Protein backbone atom coordinates (compact mmCIF):
# COMPACT_ATOMS: atom_id res chain seq x y z
CA MET A 1 91.60 46.60 43.65
CA PRO A 2 88.07 45.35 44.35
CA ASN A 3 85.08 47.25 43.02
CA GLU A 4 83.85 48.16 46.51
CA ALA A 5 86.80 50.55 46.89
CA LYS A 6 85.78 52.58 43.85
CA GLN A 7 82.10 52.41 44.80
CA ASN A 8 82.89 53.74 48.28
CA PHE A 9 85.14 56.55 47.06
CA PRO A 10 82.39 59.20 46.70
CA GLU A 11 81.02 58.30 50.16
CA LEU A 12 84.47 58.51 51.74
CA VAL A 13 85.10 61.87 50.09
CA GLU A 14 81.70 63.22 51.12
CA ARG A 15 82.31 62.23 54.74
CA SER A 16 85.91 63.48 54.92
CA PHE A 17 85.40 66.70 52.96
CA ALA A 18 82.11 67.67 54.67
CA PHE A 19 83.91 70.71 56.11
CA LEU A 20 83.85 72.25 52.60
CA VAL A 21 80.06 72.38 52.67
CA ARG A 22 79.70 73.13 56.38
CA GLU A 23 82.39 75.77 56.81
CA HIS A 24 83.15 77.18 53.35
CA ARG A 25 79.82 77.12 51.46
CA PHE A 26 81.00 74.72 48.78
CA ARG A 27 78.56 72.32 47.18
CA CYS A 28 79.19 68.95 45.65
CA THR A 29 78.55 69.21 41.91
CA LYS A 30 79.80 65.79 40.80
CA ALA A 31 80.18 62.46 42.58
CA GLU A 32 81.42 59.57 40.48
CA PRO A 33 83.43 56.45 41.39
CA ASP A 34 86.69 58.18 40.45
CA TRP A 35 85.97 61.91 40.63
CA VAL A 36 84.24 64.16 43.17
CA ARG A 37 83.97 67.90 42.54
CA TYR A 38 83.12 70.69 44.96
CA GLU A 39 82.50 74.27 43.90
CA SER A 40 82.10 77.57 45.68
CA THR A 41 81.21 80.78 43.89
CA LYS A 42 84.90 81.21 42.94
CA VAL A 43 86.81 77.94 43.30
CA PHE A 44 86.57 74.27 42.39
CA ILE A 45 88.15 71.37 44.25
CA ASP A 46 88.47 68.03 42.42
CA ILE A 47 89.29 64.87 44.34
CA LEU A 48 90.42 62.26 41.82
CA TYR A 49 91.04 58.54 42.21
CA SER A 50 93.00 57.06 39.31
CA ILE A 51 91.38 53.64 38.97
CA THR A 52 90.85 53.29 35.22
CA GLY A 53 92.84 53.61 32.04
CA PRO A 54 96.60 53.53 31.57
CA LEU A 55 97.21 55.74 34.62
CA ALA A 56 95.35 53.39 36.98
CA ASP A 57 97.91 53.55 39.79
CA HIS A 58 95.25 54.00 42.50
CA ALA A 59 96.59 57.43 43.42
CA VAL A 60 94.29 59.94 45.08
CA LEU A 61 94.93 63.58 44.33
CA ILE A 62 93.37 66.98 44.79
CA MET A 63 93.27 69.51 41.98
CA PHE A 64 91.97 73.05 42.39
CA GLY A 65 91.41 76.18 40.37
CA ARG A 66 89.25 79.21 39.82
CA LEU A 67 85.93 78.69 38.12
CA GLY A 68 85.82 80.02 34.59
CA ARG A 69 89.57 79.71 34.05
CA VAL A 70 89.97 77.16 31.28
CA GLY A 71 92.96 74.92 31.84
CA GLU A 72 93.60 76.12 35.37
CA ASP A 73 94.01 72.84 37.19
CA LEU A 74 96.52 73.20 39.98
CA ALA A 75 97.81 70.29 42.02
CA PHE A 76 97.30 70.62 45.75
CA SER A 77 100.45 68.52 46.27
CA ASP A 78 102.45 71.17 44.36
CA PHE A 79 100.91 73.86 46.56
CA LEU A 80 101.84 71.92 49.71
CA PHE A 81 105.35 71.30 48.40
CA ARG A 82 105.83 75.03 47.89
CA LEU A 83 104.20 75.98 51.19
CA ASN A 84 105.62 73.29 53.45
CA PRO A 85 107.83 70.55 51.95
CA GLN A 86 108.10 68.74 55.30
CA PHE A 87 104.32 68.49 55.60
CA ILE A 88 103.92 66.98 52.13
CA LYS A 89 106.56 64.39 53.05
CA SER A 90 104.68 63.58 56.26
CA LEU A 91 101.56 62.77 54.22
CA GLY A 92 103.40 59.83 52.73
CA GLU A 93 102.48 58.08 49.52
CA MET A 94 99.19 59.08 48.00
CA ILE A 95 98.65 55.65 46.48
CA VAL A 96 96.26 53.03 47.77
CA TRP A 97 97.83 49.56 47.87
CA LYS A 98 94.93 47.83 49.68
CA PRO A 99 91.21 48.77 49.69
CA GLU A 100 91.24 49.41 53.43
CA GLN A 101 93.84 52.20 52.93
CA LEU A 102 91.51 54.35 50.82
CA GLY A 103 89.55 55.83 53.73
CA ASP A 104 92.70 56.77 55.62
CA LEU A 105 94.27 58.44 52.58
CA VAL A 106 91.11 60.41 51.76
CA GLU A 107 90.93 61.51 55.40
CA ARG A 108 94.60 62.62 55.42
CA LEU A 109 94.10 64.64 52.24
CA ALA A 110 90.95 66.26 53.63
CA HIS A 111 92.84 67.20 56.80
CA ALA A 112 95.68 68.64 54.70
CA LEU A 113 93.26 70.78 52.70
CA GLN A 114 91.47 71.90 55.85
CA SER A 115 94.66 72.77 57.73
CA HIS A 116 96.76 74.23 54.89
CA GLY A 117 94.33 75.27 52.17
CA SER A 118 92.28 78.09 53.66
CA ASP A 119 93.65 80.65 51.18
CA ILE A 120 92.67 78.35 48.31
CA LEU A 121 89.20 77.79 49.75
CA GLN A 122 88.71 81.54 50.17
CA GLY A 123 89.75 82.09 46.55
CA LYS A 124 92.63 84.44 47.37
CA GLU A 125 93.94 85.60 44.02
CA GLU A 126 97.56 85.83 45.13
CA ILE A 127 97.67 82.07 45.79
CA PHE A 128 96.43 81.26 42.29
CA GLU A 129 98.81 83.75 40.73
CA MET A 130 101.72 82.29 42.71
CA MET A 131 100.82 78.78 41.56
CA GLN A 132 100.50 79.90 37.93
CA LYS A 133 104.00 81.40 38.06
CA CYS A 134 105.62 78.28 39.53
CA HIS A 135 107.83 76.43 37.11
CA TRP A 136 108.24 72.98 38.51
CA PRO A 137 111.27 71.15 37.12
CA PHE A 138 109.32 67.88 37.03
CA LYS A 139 106.22 69.33 35.39
CA LYS A 140 105.97 68.23 31.78
CA LYS A 141 103.97 69.91 29.07
CA ARG A 142 100.73 68.01 28.97
CA ARG A 143 98.98 67.20 25.74
CA PHE A 144 95.55 67.98 27.21
CA GLY A 145 96.52 71.24 28.91
CA SER A 146 96.15 69.99 32.48
CA LEU A 147 96.49 66.82 34.49
CA SER A 148 92.88 66.71 35.64
CA GLU A 149 91.66 67.27 32.07
CA ALA A 150 93.90 64.44 30.88
CA LEU A 151 92.54 62.19 33.63
CA ARG A 152 88.95 63.13 32.78
CA ARG A 153 89.54 62.28 29.12
CA LEU A 154 91.10 58.96 30.05
CA PHE A 155 88.18 58.16 32.35
CA LYS A 156 85.70 58.98 29.55
CA ARG A 157 87.59 56.79 27.09
CA SER A 158 87.62 53.84 29.46
CA GLY A 159 83.85 54.05 30.00
CA THR A 160 83.86 55.80 33.38
CA LYS A 161 81.77 58.94 33.33
């Protein structure tokens, strides 16, 4: 994957996820080639692009959680699967095979968060509690406590900040 894809990732995220700032009072607190973070007073939203390290499959994913809750990194795809399995299937693969696909995938994920994630964005406790109680059969115990933490550590190790 050419470097311009990873260099454009924060710009694509900023453009597609502008509704977070405009409509929900989030602010962007981190914008790196592989990780953009938004925070409100209660919630964080991480948009990750796996482009470095051993997990460099060019997947784009959204993680969310409540601020101040160590290890609470919840996958938006898991939330969508629980809420509406047909919708998550309609999103298709969340992997970028060609650089020109990145913008479309980021836009689809932003639309999914905007249309199905209002309870997350409002910080409704019952959503976070529901997600904490979910026992996904495919979810493995992670050495680092959470997927996004594992990805962050891998990014740091590979030289990406």
